[in-house]
Amino acid sequence: MDCLKCGGNVYCKDSIVQGRQRYLCKDCGYRYTVEQRPGTGDKATRRQALELYLDGPGLRSIGRILKFSNVAILNWVKAFGEALPQIKRDEPAQVIKIDEMRTYIGSKKLLLDRPVAVDRDEKRFIDCVLGSRGTITGENLWESVERLASSDVMTDCWAPYEAFVPEE
């Protein structure tokens, strides 16, 4: 429990602040705490949490694995997402894959479908549109990605795609 400022190992207990023990370095007079606050992991732990989140397990599972609360994991993921620059890009894509992403909310009482366009080769997000699982929502997505489609557009065999995605 060396001093964080001078590295000295001569110290005494100084006080308790917000439930954490503080120490006073007798060499330089610096006051410090050594315990890490709950819910604050080091950079490696936060990165590991983000990697696990991107691989697919839920927040609670990640929390159990890393021994942190699911709320802490959620806050780390949110902070990372807010720190990123905008992920939509305006460069043309060789192969655009259009598919729908389905989300259930509240014990499957509310269902949301989102058509999503991704660049298959570079594995980057292009755009998505919120709406129903119909042709109008798909047409709105196609309007925003049509200018980026330089060659191929891939879809599954869902009927509304035929209304707005060209066959060639």
Protein backbone atom coordinates (compact mmCIF):
# COMPACT_ATOMS: atom_id res chain seq x y z
CA MET A 1 0.00 0.00 0.00
CA ASP A 2 2.68 2.44 -1.09
CA CYS A 3 2.02 6.16 -1.49
CA LEU A 4 0.61 6.95 -4.92
CA LYS A 5 2.62 10.20 -5.15
CA CYS A 6 6.11 9.44 -3.81
CA GLY A 7 6.06 5.64 -3.53
CA GLY A 8 6.91 5.72 0.17
CA ASN A 9 5.73 2.92 2.41
CA VAL A 10 5.52 4.82 5.70
CA TYR A 11 1.87 5.74 6.25
CA CYS A 12 -0.89 5.91 8.84
CA LYS A 13 -4.66 5.79 8.73
CA ASP A 14 -5.99 9.29 8.24
CA SER A 15 -9.78 9.29 7.94
CA ILE A 16 -12.77 7.62 6.35
CA VAL A 17 -14.44 9.46 3.47
CA GLN A 18 -17.64 8.11 1.88
CA GLY A 19 -17.04 4.79 3.60
CA ARG A 20 -13.50 4.37 2.26
CA GLN A 21 -10.35 4.37 4.38
CA ARG A 22 -7.87 7.14 3.59
CA TYR A 23 -4.19 7.06 4.43
CA LEU A 24 -1.59 9.77 5.08
CA CYS A 25 1.92 9.36 3.71
CA LYS A 26 4.41 10.35 6.44
CA ASP A 27 7.13 11.07 3.87
CA CYS A 28 5.32 13.59 1.64
CA GLY A 29 2.04 14.32 3.48
CA TYR A 30 -0.13 13.09 0.57
CA ARG A 31 -3.57 11.69 1.43
CA TYR A 32 -4.74 8.71 -0.64
CA THR A 33 -7.09 5.75 -0.82
CA VAL A 34 -6.14 2.39 -2.24
CA GLU A 35 -9.49 0.66 -2.52
CA GLN A 36 -11.22 0.82 -5.84
CA ARG A 37 -14.79 2.09 -5.69
CA PRO A 38 -17.45 -0.54 -6.38
CA GLY A 39 -18.63 -0.63 -9.97
CA THR A 40 -15.42 0.81 -11.38
CA GLY A 41 -13.35 -1.79 -13.15
CA ASP A 42 -9.97 -1.22 -14.69
CA LYS A 43 -9.61 -0.69 -18.45
CA ALA A 44 -8.96 -4.36 -19.15
CA THR A 45 -12.12 -5.43 -17.31
CA ARG A 46 -14.23 -2.84 -19.11
CA ARG A 47 -12.85 -3.94 -22.46
CA GLN A 48 -13.53 -7.57 -21.62
CA ALA A 49 -17.11 -6.65 -20.68
CA LEU A 50 -17.58 -4.87 -24.01
CA GLU A 51 -16.14 -7.81 -25.96
CA LEU A 52 -18.45 -10.21 -24.14
CA TYR A 53 -21.42 -7.91 -24.79
CA LEU A 54 -20.63 -7.84 -28.50
CA ASP A 55 -20.38 -11.65 -28.56
CA GLY A 56 -23.95 -11.94 -27.37
CA PRO A 57 -24.38 -12.94 -23.71
CA GLY A 58 -26.77 -10.82 -21.64
CA LEU A 59 -25.72 -8.14 -19.19
CA ARG A 60 -26.51 -10.31 -16.17
CA SER A 61 -24.39 -13.16 -17.52
CA ILE A 62 -21.49 -10.81 -18.15
CA GLY A 63 -21.89 -9.39 -14.63
CA ARG A 64 -21.75 -12.87 -13.11
CA ILE A 65 -18.65 -13.76 -15.14
CA LEU A 66 -16.75 -10.56 -14.27
CA LYS A 67 -18.13 -10.23 -10.69
CA PHE A 68 -19.75 -6.83 -11.33
CA SER A 69 -23.38 -5.76 -11.30
CA ASN A 70 -25.34 -5.83 -14.54
CA VAL A 71 -25.98 -2.09 -14.08
CA ALA A 72 -22.23 -1.41 -14.02
CA ILE A 73 -21.81 -3.44 -17.22
CA LEU A 74 -24.68 -1.51 -18.84
CA ASN A 75 -23.10 1.82 -17.85
CA TRP A 76 -19.74 0.76 -19.32
CA VAL A 77 -21.34 -0.28 -22.61
CA LYS A 78 -23.36 2.96 -22.78
CA ALA A 79 -20.27 5.06 -22.05
CA PHE A 80 -18.34 3.27 -24.78
CA GLY A 81 -21.16 3.80 -27.28
CA GLU A 82 -21.43 7.49 -26.43
CA ALA A 83 -17.68 7.94 -26.84
CA LEU A 84 -17.70 6.49 -30.36
CA PRO A 85 -18.05 8.78 -33.34
CA GLN A 86 -21.20 8.37 -35.37
CA ILE A 87 -21.14 4.85 -36.81
CA LYS A 88 -23.13 5.56 -39.97
CA ARG A 89 -20.80 5.97 -42.94
CA ASP A 90 -21.39 7.44 -46.36
CA GLU A 91 -18.86 5.43 -48.38
CA PRO A 92 -20.14 3.03 -51.07
CA ALA A 93 -20.37 -0.65 -50.17
CA GLN A 94 -19.59 -3.56 -52.47
CA VAL A 95 -22.21 -5.88 -50.97
CA ILE A 96 -25.11 -4.57 -48.89
CA LYS A 97 -27.05 -7.07 -46.83
CA ILE A 98 -30.58 -6.07 -45.83
CA ASP A 99 -32.31 -8.00 -43.10
CA GLU A 100 -34.76 -7.32 -40.30
CA MET A 101 -33.95 -7.26 -36.63
CA ARG A 102 -36.79 -8.30 -34.32
CA THR A 103 -37.02 -7.13 -30.72
CA TYR A 104 -39.54 -8.18 -28.10
CA ILE A 105 -40.33 -5.77 -25.28
CA GLY A 106 -42.14 -6.49 -22.02
CA SER A 107 -42.57 -10.27 -21.95
CA LYS A 108 -43.11 -10.40 -25.71
CA LYS A 109 -46.16 -8.13 -25.51
CA LEU A 110 -44.67 -5.50 -27.84
CA LEU A 111 -42.83 -6.52 -30.98
CA LEU A 112 -40.56 -4.15 -32.92
CA ASP A 113 -39.10 -4.91 -36.33
CA ARG A 114 -36.24 -2.90 -37.72
CA PRO A 115 -34.93 -3.34 -41.26
CA VAL A 116 -31.15 -3.04 -41.06
CA ALA A 117 -28.57 -2.53 -43.83
CA VAL A 118 -24.97 -3.63 -43.25
CA ASP A 119 -21.86 -3.78 -45.41
CA ARG A 120 -21.19 -7.51 -45.61
CA ASP A 121 -17.49 -7.31 -46.54
CA GLU A 122 -16.34 -4.56 -44.16
CA LYS A 123 -18.80 -5.61 -41.42
CA ARG A 124 -20.00 -2.07 -40.82
CA PHE A 125 -23.42 -0.69 -40.03
CA ILE A 126 -24.95 1.39 -42.80
CA ASP A 127 -28.44 2.35 -41.61
CA CYS A 128 -31.67 1.16 -40.02
CA VAL A 129 -35.26 2.38 -39.94
CA LEU A 130 -37.81 1.95 -37.20
CA GLY A 131 -41.26 0.86 -38.22
CA SER A 132 -43.50 -2.06 -38.98
CA ARG A 133 -42.46 -5.16 -40.86
CA GLY A 134 -43.93 -3.90 -44.11
CA THR A 135 -43.06 -2.51 -47.50
CA ILE A 136 -43.24 1.17 -46.48
CA THR A 137 -40.57 0.79 -43.78
CA GLY A 138 -38.40 -1.16 -46.20
CA GLU A 139 -38.78 1.54 -48.85
CA ASN A 140 -37.66 4.15 -46.31
CA LEU A 141 -34.54 2.08 -45.62
CA TRP A 142 -33.88 1.60 -49.32
CA GLU A 143 -34.09 5.39 -49.93
CA SER A 144 -31.31 5.95 -47.41
CA VAL A 145 -28.98 3.18 -48.66
CA GLU A 146 -29.66 3.18 -52.42
CA ARG A 147 -26.88 5.69 -53.13
CA LEU A 148 -24.36 3.44 -51.34
CA ALA A 149 -25.24 0.28 -53.27
CA SER A 150 -22.38 0.09 -55.75
CA SER A 151 -22.95 -3.50 -56.90
CA ASP A 152 -24.76 -6.27 -54.98
CA VAL A 153 -27.67 -6.16 -52.56
CA MET A 154 -28.45 -9.34 -50.63
CA THR A 155 -31.71 -10.13 -48.85
CA ASP A 156 -33.59 -13.18 -47.65
CA CYS A 157 -36.72 -14.25 -49.52
CA TRP A 158 -39.13 -12.06 -47.59
CA ALA A 159 -41.83 -10.83 -50.00
CA PRO A 160 -41.78 -7.03 -49.28
CA TYR A 161 -38.11 -6.82 -50.37
CA GLU A 162 -39.22 -7.53 -53.95
CA ALA A 163 -41.17 -4.26 -53.97
CA PHE A 164 -38.18 -1.98 -53.45
CA VAL A 165 -34.87 -3.84 -53.97
CA PRO A 166 -33.86 -4.13 -57.64
CA GLU A 167 -33.36 -7.68 -58.93
CA GLU A 168 -29.96 -7.05 -60.49
